Amino acid sequence: MSTTKPEGSARERLLAAANELFYEEGVHTVGIDRVIERAGVAKASLYSTFGSKEELVRAYLLQRAEVRQRRLSSRIAQSEDPRERILSIFDLMGELTADPKYRGCAFVNASAEGRRDEKSKVSQVCLDSWVRGLFIELSRDAGASDPEELGRQLVVLYDGAAVAASMERDLDAAGRAKAMAGALIDAQTTADPDKARSSKKTVRATK
């Protein structure tokens, strides 16, 4: 637990405290008073800045969404090959899940804690389709026969690996997800998957 008081404006300090506490312990477990104490601001500052705890949670998740987008965009930009761009996302996940401070996907966690109400502002942030859209776009670039379906399948692997790494501390989850992702990509980008598998077996046999 950090003992250093966040610096910056009241908004920045509240978001820094919320990010630390909400991610470590959960958005419903942590009360407003603890966030205020960690941020070192008056309670009035929280309500004048965000208006409610729900808005603070929403702002916390939006901030994490922006960080995730920048991180993923930066990683895929390192490769020009469409297939490798997709697989690099799972490499990044492997790096993140290896961090002892990893507590799973903040959006999955917040969604699991919250009420099943699509009108909830927090639920709307958790249902953000940016990652799905990214996978679909990359699948289209890779020449997938059905990029929409492949993109959705890749999201299942992405989210599943995040949950496995968090709940089971399975540090190999991202690697397994990457291998499965590669197989799914190949199945949709190879004209004759059976012929491709046969060719691979022949190559191995002649080595």
N, C-alpha and C. Protein backbone atom coordinates (compact mmCIF):
# COMPACT_ATOMS: atom_id res chain seq x y z
N MET A 1 0.83 -1.20 0.00
CA MET A 1 0.00 0.00 0.00
C MET A 1 0.87 1.25 0.00
N SER A 2 0.54 2.16 -0.87
CA SER A 2 1.34 3.38 -0.98
C SER A 2 1.05 4.32 0.18
N THR A 3 2.11 4.97 0.68
CA THR A 3 1.93 5.94 1.76
C THR A 3 2.23 7.35 1.27
N THR A 4 2.51 7.46 -0.02
CA THR A 4 2.83 8.76 -0.61
C THR A 4 1.56 9.46 -1.06
N LYS A 5 1.35 10.66 -0.60
CA LYS A 5 0.16 11.42 -0.97
C LYS A 5 0.26 11.86 -2.43
N PRO A 6 -0.77 11.57 -3.23
CA PRO A 6 -0.74 11.98 -4.64
C PRO A 6 -0.59 13.49 -4.77
N GLU A 7 0.07 13.90 -5.84
CA GLU A 7 0.25 15.33 -6.10
C GLU A 7 -0.64 15.76 -7.24
N GLY A 8 -0.79 17.08 -7.39
CA GLY A 8 -1.58 17.61 -8.48
C GLY A 8 -2.88 18.23 -8.00
N SER A 9 -3.78 18.47 -8.94
CA SER A 9 -5.08 19.06 -8.61
C SER A 9 -5.92 18.07 -7.82
N ALA A 10 -7.03 18.56 -7.26
CA ALA A 10 -7.92 17.69 -6.50
C ALA A 10 -8.41 16.54 -7.38
N ARG A 11 -8.74 16.84 -8.64
CA ARG A 11 -9.21 15.80 -9.55
C ARG A 11 -8.13 14.75 -9.78
N GLU A 12 -6.92 15.20 -10.03
CA GLU A 12 -5.82 14.27 -10.29
C GLU A 12 -5.53 13.41 -9.07
N ARG A 13 -5.59 14.02 -7.90
CA ARG A 13 -5.30 13.28 -6.67
C ARG A 13 -6.40 12.28 -6.36
N LEU A 14 -7.63 12.66 -6.60
CA LEU A 14 -8.74 11.74 -6.38
C LEU A 14 -8.68 10.56 -7.35
N LEU A 15 -8.36 10.84 -8.60
CA LEU A 15 -8.27 9.76 -9.58
C LEU A 15 -7.10 8.83 -9.27
N ALA A 16 -5.99 9.39 -8.84
CA ALA A 16 -4.83 8.57 -8.49
C ALA A 16 -5.16 7.65 -7.31
N ALA A 17 -5.84 8.20 -6.31
CA ALA A 17 -6.22 7.41 -5.15
C ALA A 17 -7.25 6.35 -5.53
N ALA A 18 -8.22 6.74 -6.36
CA ALA A 18 -9.26 5.80 -6.79
C ALA A 18 -8.64 4.67 -7.61
N ASN A 19 -7.72 5.01 -8.47
CA ASN A 19 -7.08 4.00 -9.32
C ASN A 19 -6.36 2.96 -8.47
N GLU A 20 -5.68 3.44 -7.47
CA GLU A 20 -4.93 2.53 -6.59
C GLU A 20 -5.87 1.66 -5.76
N LEU A 21 -6.83 2.28 -5.10
CA LEU A 21 -7.71 1.55 -4.18
C LEU A 21 -8.75 0.70 -4.91
N PHE A 22 -9.39 1.26 -5.91
CA PHE A 22 -10.42 0.51 -6.63
C PHE A 22 -9.83 -0.72 -7.31
N TYR A 23 -8.64 -0.57 -7.89
CA TYR A 23 -8.06 -1.69 -8.60
C TYR A 23 -7.59 -2.77 -7.64
N GLU A 24 -7.03 -2.36 -6.52
CA GLU A 24 -6.51 -3.32 -5.55
C GLU A 24 -7.62 -4.05 -4.81
N GLU A 25 -8.70 -3.33 -4.46
CA GLU A 25 -9.68 -3.90 -3.55
C GLU A 25 -11.11 -3.98 -4.10
N GLY A 26 -11.41 -3.26 -5.17
CA GLY A 26 -12.75 -3.32 -5.73
C GLY A 26 -13.51 -2.02 -5.57
N VAL A 27 -14.34 -1.71 -6.55
CA VAL A 27 -15.03 -0.42 -6.55
C VAL A 27 -16.12 -0.34 -5.48
N HIS A 28 -16.66 -1.48 -5.07
CA HIS A 28 -17.70 -1.44 -4.05
C HIS A 28 -17.15 -1.65 -2.64
N THR A 29 -16.04 -2.34 -2.56
CA THR A 29 -15.42 -2.57 -1.25
C THR A 29 -14.88 -1.28 -0.65
N VAL A 30 -14.31 -0.45 -1.51
CA VAL A 30 -13.68 0.79 -1.05
C VAL A 30 -14.72 1.91 -0.97
N GLY A 31 -14.82 2.51 0.21
CA GLY A 31 -15.76 3.61 0.41
C GLY A 31 -15.16 4.96 0.04
N ILE A 32 -16.01 5.93 -0.09
CA ILE A 32 -15.58 7.28 -0.45
C ILE A 32 -14.59 7.86 0.56
N ASP A 33 -14.83 7.59 1.83
CA ASP A 33 -13.96 8.16 2.87
C ASP A 33 -12.51 7.71 2.70
N ARG A 34 -12.31 6.47 2.30
CA ARG A 34 -10.95 5.98 2.11
C ARG A 34 -10.27 6.65 0.92
N VAL A 35 -11.03 6.88 -0.13
CA VAL A 35 -10.48 7.56 -1.30
C VAL A 35 -10.08 8.99 -0.93
N ILE A 36 -10.96 9.66 -0.20
CA ILE A 36 -10.70 11.03 0.21
C ILE A 36 -9.45 11.11 1.10
N GLU A 37 -9.35 10.16 2.02
CA GLU A 37 -8.19 10.13 2.92
C GLU A 37 -6.90 9.90 2.14
N ARG A 38 -6.94 8.95 1.20
CA ARG A 38 -5.74 8.65 0.41
C ARG A 38 -5.35 9.84 -0.47
N ALA A 39 -6.36 10.52 -1.01
CA ALA A 39 -6.10 11.66 -1.89
C ALA A 39 -5.66 12.90 -1.12
N GLY A 40 -6.04 12.97 0.16
CA GLY A 40 -5.68 14.13 0.96
C GLY A 40 -6.47 15.36 0.59
N VAL A 41 -7.78 15.19 0.28
CA VAL A 41 -8.63 16.31 -0.07
C VAL A 41 -9.87 16.30 0.82
N ALA A 42 -10.59 17.40 0.82
CA ALA A 42 -11.83 17.48 1.59
C ALA A 42 -12.95 16.75 0.85
N LYS A 43 -13.93 16.26 1.61
CA LYS A 43 -15.05 15.55 0.98
C LYS A 43 -15.77 16.43 -0.02
N ALA A 44 -15.85 17.70 0.28
CA ALA A 44 -16.53 18.63 -0.63
C ALA A 44 -15.85 18.66 -1.99
N SER A 45 -14.54 18.45 -2.01
CA SER A 45 -13.81 18.46 -3.27
C SER A 45 -14.25 17.32 -4.17
N LEU A 46 -14.51 16.17 -3.56
CA LEU A 46 -14.94 15.02 -4.36
C LEU A 46 -16.29 15.30 -5.02
N TYR A 47 -17.23 15.79 -4.23
CA TYR A 47 -18.57 16.02 -4.77
C TYR A 47 -18.63 17.20 -5.73
N SER A 48 -17.78 18.19 -5.50
CA SER A 48 -17.76 19.32 -6.43
C SER A 48 -17.07 18.95 -7.75
N THR A 49 -16.19 17.96 -7.69
CA THR A 49 -15.45 17.54 -8.88
C THR A 49 -16.19 16.46 -9.67
N PHE A 50 -16.72 15.46 -8.96
CA PHE A 50 -17.36 14.32 -9.64
C PHE A 50 -18.86 14.21 -9.38
N GLY A 51 -19.32 14.76 -8.27
CA GLY A 51 -20.75 14.73 -7.99
C GLY A 51 -21.23 13.51 -7.23
N SER A 52 -20.60 12.34 -7.46
CA SER A 52 -21.01 11.11 -6.80
C SER A 52 -19.91 10.07 -6.92
N LYS A 53 -20.04 9.01 -6.14
CA LYS A 53 -19.07 7.93 -6.22
C LYS A 53 -19.16 7.26 -7.59
N GLU A 54 -20.37 7.10 -8.12
CA GLU A 54 -20.53 6.45 -9.42
C GLU A 54 -19.75 7.20 -10.51
N GLU A 55 -19.79 8.52 -10.45
CA GLU A 55 -19.06 9.30 -11.44
C GLU A 55 -17.55 9.17 -11.25
N LEU A 56 -17.12 9.02 -10.00
CA LEU A 56 -15.70 8.81 -9.73
C LEU A 56 -15.28 7.45 -10.30
N VAL A 57 -16.09 6.43 -10.08
CA VAL A 57 -15.79 5.10 -10.62
C VAL A 57 -15.74 5.15 -12.14
N ARG A 58 -16.68 5.86 -12.73
CA ARG A 58 -16.72 5.99 -14.19
C ARG A 58 -15.45 6.68 -14.70
N ALA A 59 -15.04 7.74 -14.02
CA ALA A 59 -13.83 8.46 -14.43
C ALA A 59 -12.60 7.58 -14.28
N TYR A 60 -12.55 6.81 -13.22
CA TYR A 60 -11.44 5.87 -12.99
C TYR A 60 -11.34 4.86 -14.13
N LEU A 61 -12.48 4.30 -14.54
CA LEU A 61 -12.50 3.31 -15.62
C LEU A 61 -12.17 3.94 -16.97
N LEU A 62 -12.67 5.15 -17.21
CA LEU A 62 -12.36 5.84 -18.46
C LEU A 62 -10.87 6.11 -18.57
N GLN A 63 -10.26 6.46 -17.47
CA GLN A 63 -8.82 6.72 -17.45
C GLN A 63 -8.06 5.43 -17.77
N ARG A 64 -8.49 4.32 -17.19
CA ARG A 64 -7.83 3.05 -17.47
C ARG A 64 -8.05 2.63 -18.92
N ALA A 65 -9.22 2.95 -19.46
CA ALA A 65 -9.51 2.63 -20.87
C ALA A 65 -8.55 3.38 -21.79
N GLU A 66 -8.29 4.64 -21.46
CA GLU A 66 -7.38 5.45 -22.27
C GLU A 66 -5.96 4.89 -22.20
N VAL A 67 -5.56 4.46 -21.01
CA VAL A 67 -4.22 3.89 -20.85
C VAL A 67 -4.11 2.60 -21.65
N ARG A 68 -5.16 1.77 -21.59
CA ARG A 68 -5.14 0.51 -22.33
C ARG A 68 -5.06 0.75 -23.83
N GLN A 69 -5.81 1.72 -24.31
CA GLN A 69 -5.79 2.02 -25.75
C GLN A 69 -4.40 2.47 -26.19
N ARG A 70 -3.78 3.34 -25.41
CA ARG A 70 -2.44 3.81 -25.76
C ARG A 70 -1.43 2.66 -25.74
N ARG A 71 -1.56 1.81 -24.74
CA ARG A 71 -0.63 0.69 -24.59
C ARG A 71 -0.76 -0.30 -25.75
N LEU A 72 -1.99 -0.66 -26.09
CA LEU A 72 -2.21 -1.61 -27.18
C LEU A 72 -1.80 -1.01 -28.52
N SER A 73 -2.16 0.26 -28.73
CA SER A 73 -1.81 0.92 -29.99
C SER A 73 -0.30 0.99 -30.17
N SER A 74 0.40 1.28 -29.08
CA SER A 74 1.86 1.36 -29.14
C SER A 74 2.47 0.00 -29.45
N ARG A 75 1.92 -1.05 -28.87
CA ARG A 75 2.48 -2.39 -29.09
C ARG A 75 2.27 -2.86 -30.53
N ILE A 76 1.07 -2.75 -31.04
CA ILE A 76 0.81 -3.26 -32.39
C ILE A 76 1.52 -2.43 -33.45
N ALA A 77 1.86 -1.19 -33.11
CA ALA A 77 2.57 -0.32 -34.06
C ALA A 77 4.01 -0.79 -34.29
N GLN A 78 4.49 -1.70 -33.44
CA GLN A 78 5.86 -2.18 -33.55
C GLN A 78 6.02 -3.23 -34.63
N SER A 79 4.89 -3.70 -35.19
CA SER A 79 4.96 -4.72 -36.23
C SER A 79 4.11 -4.30 -37.43
N GLU A 80 4.56 -4.70 -38.62
CA GLU A 80 3.79 -4.40 -39.84
C GLU A 80 2.99 -5.60 -40.31
N ASP A 81 3.34 -6.79 -39.83
CA ASP A 81 2.63 -8.00 -40.24
C ASP A 81 1.31 -8.12 -39.48
N PRO A 82 0.17 -8.20 -40.18
CA PRO A 82 -1.14 -8.23 -39.53
C PRO A 82 -1.28 -9.36 -38.50
N ARG A 83 -0.80 -10.53 -38.82
CA ARG A 83 -0.89 -11.66 -37.88
C ARG A 83 -0.09 -11.39 -36.62
N GLU A 84 1.13 -10.90 -36.80
CA GLU A 84 1.97 -10.61 -35.65
C GLU A 84 1.41 -9.47 -34.80
N ARG A 85 0.73 -8.56 -35.43
CA ARG A 85 0.12 -7.45 -34.67
C ARG A 85 -0.93 -7.99 -33.71
N ILE A 86 -1.70 -8.96 -34.16
CA ILE A 86 -2.70 -9.58 -33.29
C ILE A 86 -2.02 -10.34 -32.15
N LEU A 87 -1.05 -11.17 -32.50
CA LEU A 87 -0.40 -11.99 -31.49
C LEU A 87 0.39 -11.16 -30.49
N SER A 88 0.86 -9.98 -30.92
CA SER A 88 1.62 -9.13 -30.00
C SER A 88 0.77 -8.64 -28.84
N ILE A 89 -0.54 -8.59 -29.04
CA ILE A 89 -1.44 -8.18 -27.96
C ILE A 89 -1.39 -9.19 -26.82
N PHE A 90 -1.28 -10.47 -27.17
CA PHE A 90 -1.20 -11.51 -26.14
C PHE A 90 0.17 -11.53 -25.49
N ASP A 91 1.21 -11.14 -26.24
CA ASP A 91 2.53 -10.99 -25.62
C ASP A 91 2.49 -9.89 -24.56
N LEU A 92 1.84 -8.79 -24.89
CA LEU A 92 1.71 -7.69 -23.95
C LEU A 92 0.95 -8.14 -22.71
N MET A 93 -0.13 -8.89 -22.93
CA MET A 93 -0.89 -9.38 -21.78
C MET A 93 -0.02 -10.26 -20.88
N GLY A 94 0.83 -11.07 -21.49
CA GLY A 94 1.72 -11.91 -20.70
C GLY A 94 2.64 -11.09 -19.81
N GLU A 95 3.11 -9.97 -20.33
CA GLU A 95 3.98 -9.08 -19.55
C GLU A 95 3.21 -8.45 -18.40
N LEU A 96 2.00 -8.03 -18.67
CA LEU A 96 1.19 -7.36 -17.64
C LEU A 96 0.78 -8.33 -16.54
N THR A 97 0.39 -9.54 -16.92
CA THR A 97 -0.09 -10.50 -15.92
C THR A 97 1.05 -11.05 -15.07
N ALA A 98 2.29 -10.90 -15.53
CA ALA A 98 3.43 -11.36 -14.74
C ALA A 98 3.74 -10.41 -13.59
N ASP A 99 3.18 -9.22 -13.63
CA ASP A 99 3.40 -8.24 -12.56
C ASP A 99 2.68 -8.71 -11.29
N PRO A 100 3.38 -8.81 -10.16
CA PRO A 100 2.75 -9.25 -8.91
C PRO A 100 1.55 -8.39 -8.50
N LYS A 101 1.49 -7.15 -8.99
CA LYS A 101 0.39 -6.26 -8.64
C LYS A 101 -0.83 -6.46 -9.54
N TYR A 102 -0.72 -7.36 -10.49
CA TYR A 102 -1.84 -7.59 -11.41
C TYR A 102 -3.03 -8.16 -10.66
N ARG A 103 -4.18 -7.53 -10.84
CA ARG A 103 -5.41 -7.96 -10.17
C ARG A 103 -6.52 -8.25 -11.19
N GLY A 104 -6.14 -8.53 -12.40
CA GLY A 104 -7.14 -8.83 -13.42
C GLY A 104 -7.54 -7.59 -14.20
N CYS A 105 -8.50 -7.78 -15.09
CA CYS A 105 -9.01 -6.68 -15.90
C CYS A 105 -9.91 -5.79 -15.05
N ALA A 106 -9.62 -4.52 -15.00
CA ALA A 106 -10.40 -3.59 -14.17
C ALA A 106 -11.86 -3.54 -14.62
N PHE A 107 -12.10 -3.72 -15.90
CA PHE A 107 -13.46 -3.64 -16.44
C PHE A 107 -14.26 -4.90 -16.12
N VAL A 108 -13.61 -6.05 -16.21
CA VAL A 108 -14.27 -7.30 -15.82
C VAL A 108 -14.59 -7.27 -14.33
N ASN A 109 -13.63 -6.79 -13.54
CA ASN A 109 -13.83 -6.73 -12.09
C ASN A 109 -14.99 -5.81 -11.72
N ALA A 110 -15.00 -4.62 -12.31
CA ALA A 110 -16.06 -3.65 -12.00
C ALA A 110 -17.41 -4.15 -12.47
N SER A 111 -17.44 -4.81 -13.61
CA SER A 111 -18.70 -5.34 -14.14
C SER A 111 -19.23 -6.44 -13.24
N ALA A 112 -18.34 -7.30 -12.75
CA ALA A 112 -18.76 -8.40 -11.88
C ALA A 112 -19.30 -7.88 -10.55
N GLU A 113 -18.75 -6.78 -10.09
CA GLU A 113 -19.19 -6.20 -8.81
C GLU A 113 -20.51 -5.44 -8.93
N GLY A 114 -20.72 -4.84 -10.09
CA GLY A 114 -21.86 -3.94 -10.25
C GLY A 114 -23.17 -4.65 -10.56
N ARG A 115 -24.23 -3.88 -10.59
CA ARG A 115 -25.54 -4.43 -10.91
C ARG A 115 -25.68 -4.58 -12.43
N ARG A 116 -26.48 -5.53 -12.82
CA ARG A 116 -26.69 -5.80 -14.24
C ARG A 116 -27.68 -4.80 -14.82
N ASP A 117 -27.21 -3.61 -15.04
CA ASP A 117 -28.06 -2.54 -15.55
C ASP A 117 -27.32 -1.83 -16.67
N GLU A 118 -27.77 -2.05 -17.90
CA GLU A 118 -27.09 -1.46 -19.04
C GLU A 118 -27.17 0.06 -19.05
N LYS A 119 -28.11 0.63 -18.27
CA LYS A 119 -28.24 2.08 -18.22
C LYS A 119 -27.23 2.69 -17.25
N SER A 120 -26.63 1.86 -16.43
CA SER A 120 -25.63 2.35 -15.48
C SER A 120 -24.43 2.92 -16.23
N LYS A 121 -23.97 4.08 -15.79
CA LYS A 121 -22.81 4.71 -16.44
C LYS A 121 -21.57 3.84 -16.32
N VAL A 122 -21.43 3.16 -15.20
CA VAL A 122 -20.28 2.27 -15.02
C VAL A 122 -20.38 1.09 -15.97
N SER A 123 -21.57 0.51 -16.11
CA SER A 123 -21.75 -0.62 -17.02
C SER A 123 -21.45 -0.22 -18.45
N GLN A 124 -21.82 0.99 -18.82
CA GLN A 124 -21.58 1.46 -20.19
C GLN A 124 -20.09 1.54 -20.49
N VAL A 125 -19.30 1.96 -19.50
CA VAL A 125 -17.85 2.02 -19.70
C VAL A 125 -17.29 0.61 -19.83
N CYS A 126 -17.77 -0.32 -18.98
CA CYS A 126 -17.28 -1.70 -19.01
C CYS A 126 -17.64 -2.40 -20.30
N LEU A 127 -18.73 -1.98 -20.94
CA LEU A 127 -19.16 -2.59 -22.19
C LEU A 127 -18.52 -1.93 -23.41
N ASP A 128 -17.56 -1.09 -23.19
CA ASP A 128 -16.87 -0.40 -24.29
C ASP A 128 -16.36 -1.43 -25.31
N SER A 129 -16.65 -1.19 -26.58
CA SER A 129 -16.32 -2.16 -27.62
C SER A 129 -15.01 -1.86 -28.34
N TRP A 130 -14.18 -1.01 -27.78
CA TRP A 130 -12.96 -0.61 -28.47
C TRP A 130 -12.05 -1.80 -28.75
N VAL A 131 -11.83 -2.65 -27.76
CA VAL A 131 -10.94 -3.80 -27.95
C VAL A 131 -11.51 -4.74 -28.99
N ARG A 132 -12.82 -4.99 -28.94
CA ARG A 132 -13.44 -5.85 -29.95
C ARG A 132 -13.27 -5.25 -31.34
N GLY A 133 -13.49 -3.95 -31.45
CA GLY A 133 -13.31 -3.28 -32.73
C GLY A 133 -11.88 -3.39 -33.23
N LEU A 134 -10.92 -3.30 -32.32
CA LEU A 134 -9.51 -3.42 -32.69
C LEU A 134 -9.22 -4.81 -33.26
N PHE A 135 -9.70 -5.84 -32.56
CA PHE A 135 -9.47 -7.20 -33.02
C PHE A 135 -10.13 -7.45 -34.37
N ILE A 136 -11.32 -6.92 -34.57
CA ILE A 136 -12.02 -7.09 -35.85
C ILE A 136 -11.24 -6.39 -36.97
N GLU A 137 -10.77 -5.19 -36.69
CA GLU A 137 -10.00 -4.45 -37.69
C GLU A 137 -8.71 -5.19 -38.06
N LEU A 138 -8.01 -5.69 -37.03
CA LEU A 138 -6.78 -6.43 -37.28
C LEU A 138 -7.05 -7.74 -38.03
N SER A 139 -8.17 -8.37 -37.72
CA SER A 139 -8.55 -9.61 -38.40
C SER A 139 -8.82 -9.33 -39.87
N ARG A 140 -9.44 -8.20 -40.14
CA ARG A 140 -9.72 -7.81 -41.53
C ARG A 140 -8.40 -7.55 -42.27
N ASP A 141 -7.47 -6.89 -41.59
CA ASP A 141 -6.16 -6.61 -42.20
C ASP A 141 -5.40 -7.91 -42.49
N ALA A 142 -5.64 -8.92 -41.64
CA ALA A 142 -4.95 -10.20 -41.81
C ALA A 142 -5.57 -11.05 -42.91
N GLY A 143 -6.69 -10.59 -43.45
CA GLY A 143 -7.35 -11.32 -44.54
C GLY A 143 -8.26 -12.42 -44.07
N ALA A 144 -8.82 -12.31 -42.86
CA ALA A 144 -9.72 -13.33 -42.33
C ALA A 144 -10.97 -13.43 -43.20
N SER A 145 -11.47 -14.65 -43.36
CA SER A 145 -12.67 -14.86 -44.17
C SER A 145 -13.90 -14.28 -43.49
N ASP A 146 -13.88 -14.25 -42.16
CA ASP A 146 -14.99 -13.66 -41.38
C ASP A 146 -14.37 -12.86 -40.24
N PRO A 147 -13.91 -11.64 -40.52
CA PRO A 147 -13.21 -10.84 -39.51
C PRO A 147 -14.06 -10.52 -38.28
N GLU A 148 -15.36 -10.37 -38.47
CA GLU A 148 -16.24 -10.09 -37.33
C GLU A 148 -16.22 -11.25 -36.34
N GLU A 149 -16.37 -12.46 -36.87
CA GLU A 149 -16.37 -13.64 -36.00
C GLU A 149 -15.00 -13.88 -35.38
N LEU A 150 -13.96 -13.76 -36.18
CA LEU A 150 -12.61 -13.95 -35.63
C LEU A 150 -12.31 -12.92 -34.56
N GLY A 151 -12.71 -11.68 -34.79
CA GLY A 151 -12.48 -10.64 -33.79
C GLY A 151 -13.16 -10.95 -32.48
N ARG A 152 -14.37 -11.45 -32.54
CA ARG A 152 -15.10 -11.81 -31.32
C ARG A 152 -14.46 -13.00 -30.62
N GLN A 153 -13.97 -13.96 -31.40
CA GLN A 153 -13.29 -15.11 -30.80
C GLN A 153 -12.01 -14.68 -30.09
N LEU A 154 -11.31 -13.75 -30.69
CA LEU A 154 -10.07 -13.25 -30.07
C LEU A 154 -10.35 -12.50 -28.78
N VAL A 155 -11.48 -11.80 -28.72
CA VAL A 155 -11.86 -11.10 -27.48
C VAL A 155 -12.11 -12.11 -26.37
N VAL A 156 -12.75 -13.23 -26.71
CA VAL A 156 -13.01 -14.28 -25.72
C VAL A 156 -11.68 -14.80 -25.16
N LEU A 157 -10.71 -15.02 -26.03
CA LEU A 157 -9.40 -15.47 -25.58
C LEU A 157 -8.71 -14.42 -24.72
N TYR A 158 -8.81 -13.18 -25.14
CA TYR A 158 -8.19 -12.05 -24.43
C TYR A 158 -8.76 -11.92 -23.02
N ASP A 159 -10.09 -11.89 -22.93
CA ASP A 159 -10.74 -11.76 -21.62
C ASP A 159 -10.52 -13.01 -20.76
N GLY A 160 -10.59 -14.18 -21.40
CA GLY A 160 -10.40 -15.42 -20.65
C GLY A 160 -9.01 -15.53 -20.05
N ALA A 161 -8.01 -15.11 -20.80
CA ALA A 161 -6.64 -15.16 -20.30
C ALA A 161 -6.46 -14.21 -19.12
N ALA A 162 -7.11 -13.05 -19.20
CA ALA A 162 -7.02 -12.07 -18.11
C ALA A 162 -7.64 -12.64 -16.83
N VAL A 163 -8.77 -13.30 -16.97
CA VAL A 163 -9.44 -13.88 -15.79
C VAL A 163 -8.62 -15.02 -15.22
N ALA A 164 -8.10 -15.90 -16.07
CA ALA A 164 -7.30 -17.03 -15.60
C ALA A 164 -6.04 -16.56 -14.89
N ALA A 165 -5.42 -15.53 -15.43
CA ALA A 165 -4.20 -15.01 -14.81
C ALA A 165 -4.48 -14.41 -13.44
N SER A 166 -5.66 -13.81 -13.30
CA SER A 166 -6.02 -13.17 -12.04
C SER A 166 -6.52 -14.18 -11.00
N MET A 167 -7.47 -15.01 -11.39
CA MET A 167 -8.10 -15.92 -10.43
C MET A 167 -7.22 -17.10 -10.08
N GLU A 168 -6.50 -17.64 -11.05
CA GLU A 168 -5.71 -18.85 -10.83
C GLU A 168 -4.21 -18.57 -10.76
N ARG A 169 -3.84 -17.31 -10.97
CA ARG A 169 -2.43 -16.93 -11.07
C ARG A 169 -1.72 -17.80 -12.10
N ASP A 170 -2.42 -18.05 -13.19
CA ASP A 170 -1.88 -18.83 -14.29
C ASP A 170 -1.07 -17.91 -15.18
N LEU A 171 0.24 -17.89 -14.97
CA LEU A 171 1.10 -16.99 -15.72
C LEU A 171 1.33 -17.45 -17.15
N ASP A 172 0.86 -18.65 -17.47
CA ASP A 172 0.98 -19.16 -18.84
C ASP A 172 -0.30 -18.94 -19.63
N ALA A 173 -1.31 -18.34 -19.01
CA ALA A 173 -2.60 -18.17 -19.67
C ALA A 173 -2.49 -17.36 -20.96
N ALA A 174 -1.73 -16.29 -20.92
CA ALA A 174 -1.58 -15.45 -22.11
C ALA A 174 -0.88 -16.20 -23.23
N GLY A 175 0.10 -17.03 -22.86
CA GLY A 175 0.81 -17.82 -23.87
C GLY A 175 -0.10 -18.84 -24.52
N ARG A 176 -0.95 -19.47 -23.71
CA ARG A 176 -1.90 -20.43 -24.27
C ARG A 176 -2.91 -19.72 -25.17
N ALA A 177 -3.36 -18.57 -24.72
CA ALA A 177 -4.31 -17.80 -25.52
C ALA A 177 -3.67 -17.38 -26.84
N LYS A 178 -2.39 -17.04 -26.80
CA LYS A 178 -1.68 -16.65 -28.03
C LYS A 178 -1.63 -17.82 -29.01
N ALA A 179 -1.34 -19.01 -28.51
CA ALA A 179 -1.27 -20.19 -29.37
C ALA A 179 -2.63 -20.47 -30.01
N MET A 180 -3.68 -20.37 -29.22
CA MET A 180 -5.03 -20.59 -29.75
C MET A 180 -5.41 -19.51 -30.75
N ALA A 181 -4.99 -18.28 -30.45
CA ALA A 181 -5.27 -17.17 -31.37
C ALA A 181 -4.59 -17.43 -32.72
N GLY A 182 -3.36 -17.92 -32.69
CA GLY A 182 -2.65 -18.22 -33.92
C GLY A 182 -3.38 -19.27 -34.75
N ALA A 183 -3.91 -20.29 -34.06
CA ALA A 183 -4.65 -21.34 -34.76
C ALA A 183 -5.93 -20.79 -35.37
N LEU A 184 -6.62 -19.92 -34.66
CA LEU A 184 -7.85 -19.33 -35.18
C LEU A 184 -7.56 -18.44 -36.40
N ILE A 185 -6.49 -17.68 -36.32
CA ILE A 185 -6.11 -16.81 -37.44
C ILE A 185 -5.80 -17.65 -38.67
N ASP A 186 -4.99 -18.70 -38.46
CA ASP A 186 -4.60 -19.55 -39.58
C ASP A 186 -5.81 -20.23 -40.23
N ALA A 187 -6.77 -20.62 -39.39
CA ALA A 187 -7.96 -21.29 -39.91
C ALA A 187 -8.78 -20.38 -40.82
N GLN A 188 -8.70 -19.08 -40.57
CA GLN A 188 -9.49 -18.13 -41.36
C GLN A 188 -8.69 -17.46 -42.48
N THR A 189 -7.40 -17.66 -42.49
CA THR A 189 -6.60 -16.98 -43.51
C THR A 189 -5.92 -17.94 -44.47
N THR A 190 -6.08 -19.25 -44.24
CA THR A 190 -5.52 -20.26 -45.13
C THR A 190 -6.62 -20.76 -46.05
N ALA A 191 -6.36 -20.76 -47.33
CA ALA A 191 -7.39 -21.17 -48.30
C ALA A 191 -7.85 -22.59 -48.06
N ASP A 192 -6.92 -23.49 -47.72
CA ASP A 192 -7.26 -24.89 -47.47
C ASP A 192 -6.57 -25.32 -46.19
N PRO A 193 -7.22 -25.13 -45.03
CA PRO A 193 -6.61 -25.45 -43.74
C PRO A 193 -6.12 -26.89 -43.65
N ASP A 194 -6.87 -27.89 -44.21
CA ASP A 194 -6.47 -29.29 -44.14
C ASP A 194 -5.17 -29.51 -44.91
N LYS A 195 -5.08 -28.86 -46.08
CA LYS A 195 -3.87 -28.97 -46.89
C LYS A 195 -2.69 -28.33 -46.18
N ALA A 196 -2.97 -27.20 -45.51
CA ALA A 196 -1.90 -26.50 -44.79
C ALA A 196 -1.36 -27.37 -43.66
N ARG A 197 -2.27 -28.02 -42.90
CA ARG A 197 -1.84 -28.89 -41.81
C ARG A 197 -1.03 -30.07 -42.34
N SER A 198 -1.47 -30.64 -43.48
CA SER A 198 -0.77 -31.76 -44.10
C SER A 198 0.64 -31.36 -44.53
N SER A 199 0.75 -30.13 -45.08
CA SER A 199 2.04 -29.63 -45.52
C SER A 199 3.00 -29.46 -44.36
N LYS A 200 2.46 -28.97 -43.23
CA LYS A 200 3.29 -28.77 -42.05
C LYS A 200 3.83 -30.10 -41.54
N LYS A 201 2.97 -31.16 -41.58
CA LYS A 201 3.39 -32.48 -41.12
C LYS A 201 4.49 -33.02 -42.03
N THR A 202 4.35 -32.76 -43.33
CA THR A 202 5.35 -33.23 -44.29
C THR A 202 6.69 -32.55 -44.06
N VAL A 203 6.64 -31.25 -43.80
CA VAL A 203 7.86 -30.50 -43.52
C VAL A 203 8.55 -31.03 -42.30
N ARG A 204 7.78 -31.29 -41.23
CA ARG A 204 8.38 -31.83 -40.00
C ARG A 204 9.03 -33.19 -40.27
N ALA A 205 8.36 -34.02 -41.06
CA ALA A 205 8.83 -35.38 -41.31
C ALA A 205 10.13 -35.39 -42.10
N THR A 206 10.35 -34.37 -42.92
CA THR A 206 11.55 -34.33 -43.76
C THR A 206 12.73 -33.65 -43.11
N LYS A 207 12.49 -33.05 -41.95
CA LYS A 207 13.59 -32.36 -41.25
C LYS A 207 14.53 -33.37 -40.57
